[in-house]
Amino acid sequence: MRPRHTPGLGAILLLVAVVALLVSGEDGCGGAEEAVDRAEGPRSVTAEVLRVVDGDTIEVSIEGATEDVRYIGVDTPESAIPGEAVECFGRRASALNERLVSGRTVRLRFDSERRDRYGRLLAYVHARGRFVNAELVRRGFARTLTIPPNDAHAPLFARLERAAGRAGRGLWDVCVS
């Protein structure tokens, strides 16, 4: 008669982990939304820019899933609303955003809220050592748009906007009389 083999602690823990994953429905293949929306999820993620929508919105790929990203704290003139006129400096703001991020790998950093009411990710965007949100304001291609609780960089953006306005940079020279 053979001696009876009892499972070791490692085998038992592995079985418990597998059962927990099956019960929770987690299969490790949950897409970008799941990766960035967990309450205690990462404060930042890396993404590939697929398309520039306009001056303050991009489309990215995160872990193979496509997401629209709205830049936090800034507002550029509109250039992509169907049926509406392009606003003063809208095409230029979109073109600058294109030069800064198009086809690049970017770091998306999150604030208090991860998504807006339209389901877009809300992020501070960093590309090639540049803080894109701040760069748009600094050059006068965007105004500040502070929407609490996503306001970690509001003081910086306000300073940059005042400086751009005083210097007459970008839209402050062309669009504001």
N, C-alpha and C. Protein backbone atom coordinates (compact mmCIF):
# COMPACT_ATOMS: atom_id res chain seq x y z
N MET A 1 0.83 -1.16 0.00
CA MET A 1 0.00 0.00 0.00
C MET A 1 0.89 1.25 0.00
N ARG A 2 0.56 2.21 -0.83
CA ARG A 2 1.31 3.46 -0.91
C ARG A 2 0.92 4.41 0.20
N PRO A 3 1.89 5.21 0.67
CA PRO A 3 1.52 6.22 1.66
C PRO A 3 0.70 7.32 1.01
N ARG A 4 -0.23 7.84 1.70
CA ARG A 4 -1.11 8.90 1.19
C ARG A 4 -0.35 10.22 1.19
N HIS A 5 -0.42 10.97 0.07
CA HIS A 5 0.30 12.25 -0.06
C HIS A 5 -0.67 13.40 0.22
N THR A 6 -0.33 14.25 1.15
CA THR A 6 -1.16 15.43 1.43
C THR A 6 -0.53 16.64 0.78
N PRO A 7 -1.35 17.54 0.25
CA PRO A 7 -0.80 18.71 -0.43
C PRO A 7 -0.07 19.63 0.55
N GLY A 8 1.00 20.23 0.06
CA GLY A 8 1.77 21.16 0.87
C GLY A 8 1.10 22.52 0.95
N LEU A 9 1.65 23.37 1.80
CA LEU A 9 1.10 24.71 2.00
C LEU A 9 1.11 25.51 0.70
N GLY A 10 2.16 25.39 -0.09
CA GLY A 10 2.26 26.12 -1.36
C GLY A 10 1.13 25.75 -2.32
N ALA A 11 0.83 24.46 -2.41
CA ALA A 11 -0.24 24.00 -3.30
C ALA A 11 -1.60 24.51 -2.83
N ILE A 12 -1.80 24.53 -1.53
CA ILE A 12 -3.06 25.01 -0.98
C ILE A 12 -3.23 26.51 -1.26
N LEU A 13 -2.15 27.30 -1.05
CA LEU A 13 -2.21 28.73 -1.32
C LEU A 13 -2.47 29.02 -2.80
N LEU A 14 -1.84 28.26 -3.67
CA LEU A 14 -2.06 28.42 -5.11
C LEU A 14 -3.52 28.14 -5.46
N LEU A 15 -4.08 27.09 -4.90
CA LEU A 15 -5.48 26.75 -5.16
C LEU A 15 -6.41 27.86 -4.66
N VAL A 16 -6.14 28.40 -3.48
CA VAL A 16 -6.95 29.49 -2.94
C VAL A 16 -6.87 30.71 -3.85
N ALA A 17 -5.69 31.04 -4.35
CA ALA A 17 -5.52 32.19 -5.24
C ALA A 17 -6.29 32.01 -6.54
N VAL A 18 -6.24 30.82 -7.12
CA VAL A 18 -6.96 30.54 -8.37
C VAL A 18 -8.46 30.65 -8.15
N VAL A 19 -8.95 30.09 -7.07
CA VAL A 19 -10.39 30.16 -6.76
C VAL A 19 -10.81 31.62 -6.57
N ALA A 20 -9.99 32.40 -5.86
CA ALA A 20 -10.31 33.82 -5.64
C ALA A 20 -10.39 34.58 -6.96
N LEU A 21 -9.47 34.30 -7.87
CA LEU A 21 -9.50 34.97 -9.18
C LEU A 21 -10.74 34.58 -9.97
N LEU A 22 -11.09 33.32 -9.93
CA LEU A 22 -12.27 32.87 -10.66
C LEU A 22 -13.54 33.48 -10.08
N VAL A 23 -13.65 33.55 -8.76
CA VAL A 23 -14.82 34.10 -8.11
C VAL A 23 -14.95 35.60 -8.40
N SER A 24 -13.82 36.31 -8.40
CA SER A 24 -13.86 37.76 -8.63
C SER A 24 -14.06 38.10 -10.09
N GLY A 25 -13.88 37.14 -10.99
CA GLY A 25 -14.03 37.41 -12.42
C GLY A 25 -12.78 38.03 -13.01
N GLU A 26 -11.72 38.15 -12.24
CA GLU A 26 -10.47 38.75 -12.70
C GLU A 26 -9.68 37.71 -13.48
N ASP A 27 -9.37 38.01 -14.72
CA ASP A 27 -8.59 37.07 -15.51
C ASP A 27 -7.26 37.65 -15.95
N GLY A 28 -6.97 38.87 -15.46
CA GLY A 28 -5.71 39.49 -15.84
C GLY A 28 -5.75 40.12 -17.21
N CYS A 29 -6.87 40.08 -17.89
CA CYS A 29 -6.96 40.63 -19.24
C CYS A 29 -7.91 41.81 -19.29
N GLY A 30 -8.12 42.49 -18.18
CA GLY A 30 -9.08 43.54 -18.08
C GLY A 30 -8.70 44.75 -18.82
N GLY A 31 -8.59 45.42 -19.53
CA GLY A 31 -8.15 46.48 -20.40
C GLY A 31 -7.75 47.72 -19.67
N ALA A 32 -7.57 48.75 -20.40
CA ALA A 32 -7.05 50.01 -19.85
C ALA A 32 -7.98 50.61 -18.82
N GLU A 33 -9.28 50.56 -19.07
CA GLU A 33 -10.22 51.19 -18.14
C GLU A 33 -10.05 50.58 -16.76
N GLU A 34 -9.97 49.26 -16.72
CA GLU A 34 -9.79 48.59 -15.45
C GLU A 34 -8.43 48.94 -14.84
N ALA A 35 -7.42 49.05 -15.67
CA ALA A 35 -6.07 49.33 -15.18
C ALA A 35 -5.97 50.71 -14.55
N VAL A 36 -6.71 51.68 -15.04
CA VAL A 36 -6.58 53.04 -14.52
C VAL A 36 -7.72 53.46 -13.60
N ASP A 37 -8.79 52.69 -13.50
CA ASP A 37 -9.94 53.11 -12.73
C ASP A 37 -10.05 52.52 -11.33
N ARG A 38 -9.22 51.59 -10.98
CA ARG A 38 -9.29 51.04 -9.64
C ARG A 38 -9.09 52.15 -8.63
N ALA A 39 -9.84 52.11 -7.54
CA ALA A 39 -9.77 53.16 -6.52
C ALA A 39 -8.34 53.39 -6.05
N GLU A 40 -7.60 52.36 -5.87
CA GLU A 40 -6.21 52.48 -5.43
C GLU A 40 -5.28 52.19 -6.60
N GLY A 41 -5.72 52.47 -7.82
CA GLY A 41 -4.94 52.20 -9.02
C GLY A 41 -3.71 53.07 -9.11
N PRO A 42 -2.97 52.90 -10.17
CA PRO A 42 -1.73 53.66 -10.32
C PRO A 42 -2.01 55.15 -10.45
N ARG A 43 -1.10 55.96 -9.96
CA ARG A 43 -1.21 57.41 -10.08
C ARG A 43 -0.83 57.86 -11.49
N SER A 44 -0.17 56.96 -12.25
CA SER A 44 0.19 57.30 -13.62
C SER A 44 0.32 56.03 -14.45
N VAL A 45 0.19 56.19 -15.76
CA VAL A 45 0.37 55.08 -16.69
C VAL A 45 1.08 55.61 -17.93
N THR A 46 1.70 54.70 -18.65
CA THR A 46 2.32 55.02 -19.93
C THR A 46 1.31 54.70 -21.03
N ALA A 47 1.27 55.56 -22.04
CA ALA A 47 0.33 55.35 -23.14
C ALA A 47 0.98 55.74 -24.46
N GLU A 48 0.49 55.15 -25.53
CA GLU A 48 0.93 55.51 -26.88
C GLU A 48 -0.13 56.42 -27.49
N VAL A 49 0.28 57.57 -27.98
CA VAL A 49 -0.66 58.50 -28.59
C VAL A 49 -1.02 57.99 -29.98
N LEU A 50 -2.31 57.75 -30.20
CA LEU A 50 -2.80 57.28 -31.48
C LEU A 50 -3.22 58.43 -32.38
N ARG A 51 -3.80 59.48 -31.74
CA ARG A 51 -4.35 60.58 -32.52
C ARG A 51 -4.52 61.80 -31.62
N VAL A 52 -4.27 62.96 -32.21
CA VAL A 52 -4.56 64.22 -31.52
C VAL A 52 -5.95 64.65 -31.97
N VAL A 53 -6.86 64.79 -31.02
CA VAL A 53 -8.24 65.18 -31.34
C VAL A 53 -8.31 66.70 -31.53
N ASP A 54 -7.72 67.44 -30.59
CA ASP A 54 -7.66 68.89 -30.68
C ASP A 54 -6.57 69.37 -29.73
N GLY A 55 -6.61 70.61 -29.33
CA GLY A 55 -5.55 71.16 -28.50
C GLY A 55 -5.44 70.60 -27.11
N ASP A 56 -6.52 70.05 -26.57
CA ASP A 56 -6.48 69.55 -25.19
C ASP A 56 -7.05 68.15 -25.03
N THR A 57 -7.15 67.41 -26.13
CA THR A 57 -7.68 66.05 -26.07
C THR A 57 -6.91 65.16 -27.04
N ILE A 58 -6.56 63.97 -26.57
CA ILE A 58 -5.86 62.99 -27.40
C ILE A 58 -6.52 61.63 -27.26
N GLU A 59 -6.23 60.78 -28.21
CA GLU A 59 -6.66 59.38 -28.15
C GLU A 59 -5.39 58.56 -27.98
N VAL A 60 -5.42 57.65 -26.99
CA VAL A 60 -4.23 56.87 -26.68
C VAL A 60 -4.56 55.38 -26.61
N SER A 61 -3.51 54.59 -26.61
CA SER A 61 -3.62 53.16 -26.37
C SER A 61 -2.93 52.85 -25.05
N ILE A 62 -3.68 52.22 -24.14
CA ILE A 62 -3.15 51.79 -22.84
C ILE A 62 -3.41 50.29 -22.73
N GLU A 63 -2.34 49.54 -22.66
CA GLU A 63 -2.47 48.08 -22.57
C GLU A 63 -3.37 47.53 -23.66
N GLY A 64 -3.28 48.11 -24.86
CA GLY A 64 -4.04 47.63 -26.00
C GLY A 64 -5.45 48.17 -26.13
N ALA A 65 -5.92 48.91 -25.15
CA ALA A 65 -7.27 49.49 -25.21
C ALA A 65 -7.17 50.97 -25.56
N THR A 66 -8.14 51.45 -26.33
CA THR A 66 -8.16 52.85 -26.77
C THR A 66 -8.94 53.69 -25.77
N GLU A 67 -8.35 54.84 -25.41
CA GLU A 67 -8.96 55.77 -24.46
C GLU A 67 -8.85 57.19 -24.99
N ASP A 68 -9.88 58.00 -24.75
CA ASP A 68 -9.80 59.43 -24.99
C ASP A 68 -9.29 60.06 -23.70
N VAL A 69 -8.37 61.01 -23.83
CA VAL A 69 -7.78 61.68 -22.67
C VAL A 69 -7.99 63.18 -22.80
N ARG A 70 -8.59 63.77 -21.78
CA ARG A 70 -8.80 65.23 -21.70
C ARG A 70 -7.77 65.77 -20.74
N TYR A 71 -7.00 66.77 -21.19
CA TYR A 71 -5.96 67.37 -20.35
C TYR A 71 -6.60 68.10 -19.17
N ILE A 72 -6.05 67.89 -17.98
CA ILE A 72 -6.56 68.55 -16.77
C ILE A 72 -6.02 69.97 -16.70
N GLY A 73 -6.90 70.89 -16.30
CA GLY A 73 -6.47 72.24 -15.94
C GLY A 73 -6.30 73.23 -17.05
N VAL A 74 -6.51 72.80 -18.29
CA VAL A 74 -6.33 73.71 -19.42
C VAL A 74 -7.51 73.60 -20.39
N ASP A 75 -7.70 74.66 -21.14
CA ASP A 75 -8.75 74.68 -22.15
C ASP A 75 -8.23 75.41 -23.37
N THR A 76 -8.17 74.72 -24.49
CA THR A 76 -7.73 75.35 -25.73
C THR A 76 -8.95 75.74 -26.56
N PRO A 77 -8.80 76.71 -27.45
CA PRO A 77 -9.92 77.07 -28.33
C PRO A 77 -10.36 75.84 -29.14
N GLU A 78 -11.64 75.73 -29.38
CA GLU A 78 -12.19 74.57 -30.08
C GLU A 78 -11.79 74.56 -31.55
N SER A 79 -11.51 73.33 -32.02
CA SER A 79 -11.17 73.16 -33.43
C SER A 79 -11.81 71.93 -34.02
N ALA A 80 -12.53 71.16 -33.21
CA ALA A 80 -13.02 69.87 -33.70
C ALA A 80 -14.46 69.56 -33.34
N ILE A 81 -15.30 70.58 -33.12
CA ILE A 81 -16.70 70.31 -32.82
C ILE A 81 -17.48 70.34 -34.13
N PRO A 82 -18.04 69.19 -34.53
CA PRO A 82 -18.78 69.14 -35.79
C PRO A 82 -19.92 70.16 -35.83
N GLY A 83 -20.03 70.86 -36.92
CA GLY A 83 -21.12 71.82 -37.09
C GLY A 83 -20.88 73.17 -36.45
N GLU A 84 -19.75 73.35 -35.77
CA GLU A 84 -19.45 74.63 -35.13
C GLU A 84 -18.20 75.24 -35.76
N ALA A 85 -18.14 76.56 -35.72
CA ALA A 85 -16.99 77.26 -36.27
C ALA A 85 -15.76 77.01 -35.41
N VAL A 86 -14.62 76.97 -36.05
CA VAL A 86 -13.36 76.84 -35.34
C VAL A 86 -13.11 78.16 -34.61
N GLU A 87 -12.75 78.08 -33.33
CA GLU A 87 -12.49 79.28 -32.54
C GLU A 87 -11.11 79.85 -32.86
N CYS A 88 -10.96 81.13 -32.55
CA CYS A 88 -9.69 81.81 -32.76
C CYS A 88 -8.56 81.05 -32.07
N PHE A 89 -7.54 80.70 -32.80
CA PHE A 89 -6.35 80.00 -32.34
C PHE A 89 -6.58 78.51 -32.14
N GLY A 90 -7.77 78.00 -32.47
CA GLY A 90 -8.07 76.58 -32.29
C GLY A 90 -7.18 75.67 -33.12
N ARG A 91 -7.01 76.01 -34.40
CA ARG A 91 -6.16 75.16 -35.26
C ARG A 91 -4.71 75.22 -34.82
N ARG A 92 -4.26 76.37 -34.38
CA ARG A 92 -2.87 76.50 -33.93
C ARG A 92 -2.64 75.71 -32.64
N ALA A 93 -3.60 75.75 -31.73
CA ALA A 93 -3.47 74.98 -30.50
C ALA A 93 -3.43 73.49 -30.80
N SER A 94 -4.27 73.05 -31.69
CA SER A 94 -4.29 71.65 -32.09
C SER A 94 -2.97 71.26 -32.75
N ALA A 95 -2.44 72.14 -33.59
CA ALA A 95 -1.17 71.86 -34.27
C ALA A 95 -0.01 71.77 -33.28
N LEU A 96 0.01 72.64 -32.28
CA LEU A 96 1.06 72.57 -31.27
C LEU A 96 0.95 71.26 -30.49
N ASN A 97 -0.25 70.90 -30.09
CA ASN A 97 -0.44 69.65 -29.38
C ASN A 97 0.06 68.48 -30.23
N GLU A 98 -0.23 68.54 -31.51
CA GLU A 98 0.23 67.51 -32.45
C GLU A 98 1.76 67.42 -32.43
N ARG A 99 2.43 68.56 -32.49
CA ARG A 99 3.90 68.56 -32.47
C ARG A 99 4.46 68.02 -31.15
N LEU A 100 3.78 68.28 -30.05
CA LEU A 100 4.26 67.85 -28.75
C LEU A 100 4.07 66.37 -28.46
N VAL A 101 2.95 65.78 -28.95
CA VAL A 101 2.64 64.41 -28.51
C VAL A 101 2.37 63.39 -29.61
N SER A 102 2.12 63.81 -30.84
CA SER A 102 1.70 62.87 -31.87
C SER A 102 2.71 61.74 -32.08
N GLY A 103 2.21 60.51 -32.04
CA GLY A 103 3.03 59.34 -32.28
C GLY A 103 4.01 59.01 -31.16
N ARG A 104 3.90 59.66 -30.05
CA ARG A 104 4.85 59.49 -28.95
C ARG A 104 4.28 58.61 -27.83
N THR A 105 5.19 58.14 -27.01
CA THR A 105 4.81 57.50 -25.76
C THR A 105 4.74 58.62 -24.74
N VAL A 106 3.64 58.69 -24.01
CA VAL A 106 3.46 59.73 -23.01
C VAL A 106 3.19 59.10 -21.65
N ARG A 107 3.41 59.89 -20.61
CA ARG A 107 3.07 59.48 -19.25
C ARG A 107 1.83 60.26 -18.87
N LEU A 108 0.77 59.58 -18.49
CA LEU A 108 -0.46 60.21 -18.02
C LEU A 108 -0.46 60.16 -16.50
N ARG A 109 -0.54 61.32 -15.88
CA ARG A 109 -0.59 61.39 -14.42
C ARG A 109 -1.99 61.85 -14.02
N PHE A 110 -2.55 61.17 -13.03
CA PHE A 110 -3.92 61.43 -12.62
C PHE A 110 -3.98 62.30 -11.37
N ASP A 111 -5.13 62.94 -11.19
CA ASP A 111 -5.39 63.74 -10.00
C ASP A 111 -6.46 63.02 -9.21
N SER A 112 -7.38 63.74 -8.60
CA SER A 112 -8.40 63.12 -7.74
C SER A 112 -9.42 62.29 -8.49
N GLU A 113 -9.92 62.80 -9.60
CA GLU A 113 -10.92 62.08 -10.39
C GLU A 113 -10.27 61.55 -11.66
N ARG A 114 -10.62 60.33 -12.03
CA ARG A 114 -10.00 59.70 -13.20
C ARG A 114 -10.75 59.99 -14.50
N ARG A 115 -12.06 60.24 -14.42
CA ARG A 115 -12.86 60.41 -15.64
C ARG A 115 -13.80 61.60 -15.52
N ASP A 116 -14.13 62.17 -16.69
CA ASP A 116 -15.13 63.24 -16.70
C ASP A 116 -16.50 62.64 -17.02
N ARG A 117 -17.50 63.47 -17.11
CA ARG A 117 -18.87 62.97 -17.33
C ARG A 117 -19.06 62.33 -18.70
N TYR A 118 -18.09 62.55 -19.60
CA TYR A 118 -18.17 61.93 -20.93
C TYR A 118 -17.39 60.61 -21.00
N GLY A 119 -16.81 60.20 -19.88
CA GLY A 119 -16.06 58.95 -19.84
C GLY A 119 -14.60 59.07 -20.25
N ARG A 120 -14.15 60.28 -20.55
CA ARG A 120 -12.75 60.48 -20.93
C ARG A 120 -11.85 60.42 -19.70
N LEU A 121 -10.65 59.88 -19.88
CA LEU A 121 -9.66 59.96 -18.81
C LEU A 121 -9.26 61.41 -18.64
N LEU A 122 -9.00 61.82 -17.42
CA LEU A 122 -8.51 63.16 -17.11
C LEU A 122 -7.07 63.01 -16.66
N ALA A 123 -6.15 63.73 -17.33
CA ALA A 123 -4.75 63.52 -17.00
C ALA A 123 -3.88 64.74 -17.25
N TYR A 124 -2.77 64.75 -16.53
CA TYR A 124 -1.66 65.64 -16.83
C TYR A 124 -0.77 64.82 -17.75
N VAL A 125 -0.38 65.40 -18.87
CA VAL A 125 0.34 64.66 -19.91
C VAL A 125 1.80 65.11 -19.96
N HIS A 126 2.69 64.12 -19.95
CA HIS A 126 4.12 64.39 -20.02
C HIS A 126 4.69 63.66 -21.23
N ALA A 127 5.45 64.39 -22.07
CA ALA A 127 6.05 63.80 -23.27
C ALA A 127 7.45 64.36 -23.45
N ARG A 128 8.40 63.46 -23.58
CA ARG A 128 9.80 63.83 -23.84
C ARG A 128 10.31 64.90 -22.87
N GLY A 129 10.02 64.71 -21.60
CA GLY A 129 10.50 65.64 -20.58
C GLY A 129 9.72 66.94 -20.47
N ARG A 130 8.62 67.05 -21.20
CA ARG A 130 7.79 68.26 -21.15
C ARG A 130 6.46 67.97 -20.48
N PHE A 131 6.01 68.91 -19.68
CA PHE A 131 4.69 68.88 -19.07
C PHE A 131 3.78 69.58 -20.06
N VAL A 132 3.09 68.80 -20.89
CA VAL A 132 2.35 69.32 -22.03
C VAL A 132 1.26 70.31 -21.62
N ASN A 133 0.49 70.00 -20.59
CA ASN A 133 -0.57 70.92 -20.13
C ASN A 133 0.04 72.30 -19.87
N ALA A 134 1.13 72.33 -19.11
CA ALA A 134 1.78 73.59 -18.76
C ALA A 134 2.37 74.28 -19.98
N GLU A 135 2.93 73.52 -20.88
CA GLU A 135 3.53 74.09 -22.10
C GLU A 135 2.49 74.81 -22.95
N LEU A 136 1.30 74.24 -23.06
CA LEU A 136 0.22 74.88 -23.82
C LEU A 136 -0.14 76.24 -23.22
N VAL A 137 -0.23 76.31 -21.90
CA VAL A 137 -0.56 77.56 -21.22
C VAL A 137 0.60 78.55 -21.34
N ARG A 138 1.81 78.07 -21.09
CA ARG A 138 3.00 78.93 -21.12
C ARG A 138 3.17 79.63 -22.47
N ARG A 139 2.90 78.90 -23.54
CA ARG A 139 3.05 79.46 -24.88
C ARG A 139 1.85 80.29 -25.33
N GLY A 140 0.80 80.33 -24.51
CA GLY A 140 -0.38 81.10 -24.87
C GLY A 140 -1.34 80.38 -25.80
N PHE A 141 -1.29 79.06 -25.83
CA PHE A 141 -2.18 78.28 -26.69
C PHE A 141 -3.38 77.74 -25.93
N ALA A 142 -3.41 77.97 -24.60
CA ALA A 142 -4.51 77.49 -23.76
C ALA A 142 -4.72 78.46 -22.61
N ARG A 143 -5.96 78.47 -22.13
CA ARG A 143 -6.30 79.18 -20.90
C ARG A 143 -6.42 78.15 -19.80
N THR A 144 -6.41 78.63 -18.57
CA THR A 144 -6.59 77.70 -17.47
C THR A 144 -8.07 77.33 -17.34
N LEU A 145 -8.30 76.14 -16.84
CA LEU A 145 -9.65 75.66 -16.57
C LEU A 145 -9.56 74.79 -15.31
N THR A 146 -9.83 75.40 -14.17
CA THR A 146 -9.71 74.70 -12.90
C THR A 146 -11.06 74.13 -12.50
N ILE A 147 -11.10 72.81 -12.39
CA ILE A 147 -12.32 72.12 -11.96
C ILE A 147 -11.95 71.23 -10.78
N PRO A 148 -12.21 71.74 -9.54
CA PRO A 148 -11.91 70.92 -8.36
C PRO A 148 -12.68 69.60 -8.43
N PRO A 149 -12.15 68.54 -7.91
CA PRO A 149 -10.95 68.46 -7.09
C PRO A 149 -9.66 68.23 -7.89
N ASN A 150 -9.74 68.26 -9.22
CA ASN A 150 -8.54 68.07 -10.05
C ASN A 150 -7.82 69.39 -10.23
N ASP A 151 -7.14 69.82 -9.18
CA ASP A 151 -6.54 71.16 -9.21
C ASP A 151 -5.12 71.20 -8.64
N ALA A 152 -4.42 70.08 -8.70
CA ALA A 152 -3.08 70.00 -8.12
C ALA A 152 -2.11 71.02 -8.73
N HIS A 153 -2.28 71.33 -10.00
CA HIS A 153 -1.35 72.25 -10.68
C HIS A 153 -1.99 73.59 -11.02
N ALA A 154 -3.14 73.89 -10.43
CA ALA A 154 -3.84 75.16 -10.71
C ALA A 154 -2.97 76.39 -10.44
N PRO A 155 -2.24 76.46 -9.34
CA PRO A 155 -1.40 77.65 -9.11
C PRO A 155 -0.33 77.83 -10.21
N LEU A 156 0.29 76.74 -10.63
CA LEU A 156 1.28 76.81 -11.71
C LEU A 156 0.63 77.31 -12.99
N PHE A 157 -0.50 76.72 -13.36
CA PHE A 157 -1.18 77.13 -14.60
C PHE A 157 -1.59 78.59 -14.55
N ALA A 158 -2.07 79.06 -13.39
CA ALA A 158 -2.48 80.47 -13.25
C ALA A 158 -1.28 81.40 -13.45
N ARG A 159 -0.13 81.05 -12.88
CA ARG A 159 1.09 81.87 -13.08
C ARG A 159 1.49 81.91 -14.54
N LEU A 160 1.46 80.74 -15.19
CA LEU A 160 1.85 80.68 -16.60
C LEU A 160 0.89 81.47 -17.48
N GLU A 161 -0.40 81.42 -17.17
CA GLU A 161 -1.40 82.16 -17.94
C GLU A 161 -1.19 83.67 -17.79
N ARG A 162 -0.96 84.12 -16.57
CA ARG A 162 -0.71 85.55 -16.35
C ARG A 162 0.51 86.02 -17.13
N ALA A 163 1.57 85.23 -17.10
CA ALA A 163 2.80 85.59 -17.82
C ALA A 163 2.57 85.62 -19.33
N ALA A 164 1.84 84.65 -19.85
CA ALA A 164 1.55 84.61 -21.29
C ALA A 164 0.70 85.81 -21.69
N GLY A 165 -0.29 86.15 -20.86
CA GLY A 165 -1.14 87.30 -21.15
C GLY A 165 -0.37 88.60 -21.14
N ARG A 166 0.47 88.78 -20.12
CA ARG A 166 1.28 90.01 -20.04
C ARG A 166 2.23 90.14 -21.23
N ALA A 167 2.78 89.00 -21.68
CA ALA A 167 3.73 89.01 -22.80
C ALA A 167 3.03 89.02 -24.16
N GLY A 168 1.70 88.85 -24.16
CA GLY A 168 0.96 88.84 -25.43
C GLY A 168 1.30 87.64 -26.29
N ARG A 169 1.56 86.49 -25.65
CA ARG A 169 1.89 85.28 -26.40
C ARG A 169 0.64 84.57 -26.89
N GLY A 170 0.75 83.98 -28.07
CA GLY A 170 -0.28 83.11 -28.60
C GLY A 170 -1.63 83.78 -28.74
N LEU A 171 -2.65 83.14 -28.19
CA LEU A 171 -4.01 83.66 -28.33
C LEU A 171 -4.18 85.02 -27.65
N TRP A 172 -3.32 85.33 -26.67
CA TRP A 172 -3.41 86.61 -25.96
C TRP A 172 -3.06 87.76 -26.90
N ASP A 173 -2.32 87.50 -27.94
CA ASP A 173 -1.97 88.53 -28.92
C ASP A 173 -3.01 88.59 -30.04
N VAL A 174 -3.48 87.44 -30.47
CA VAL A 174 -4.34 87.36 -31.65
C VAL A 174 -5.83 87.44 -31.33
N CYS A 175 -6.26 86.80 -30.26
CA CYS A 175 -7.69 86.63 -30.01
C CYS A 175 -8.28 87.55 -28.96
N VAL A 176 -7.46 88.07 -28.06
CA VAL A 176 -7.96 88.87 -26.96
C VAL A 176 -7.64 90.33 -27.23
N SER A 177 -8.70 91.14 -27.23
CA SER A 177 -8.45 92.57 -27.53
C SER A 177 -8.40 93.39 -26.27
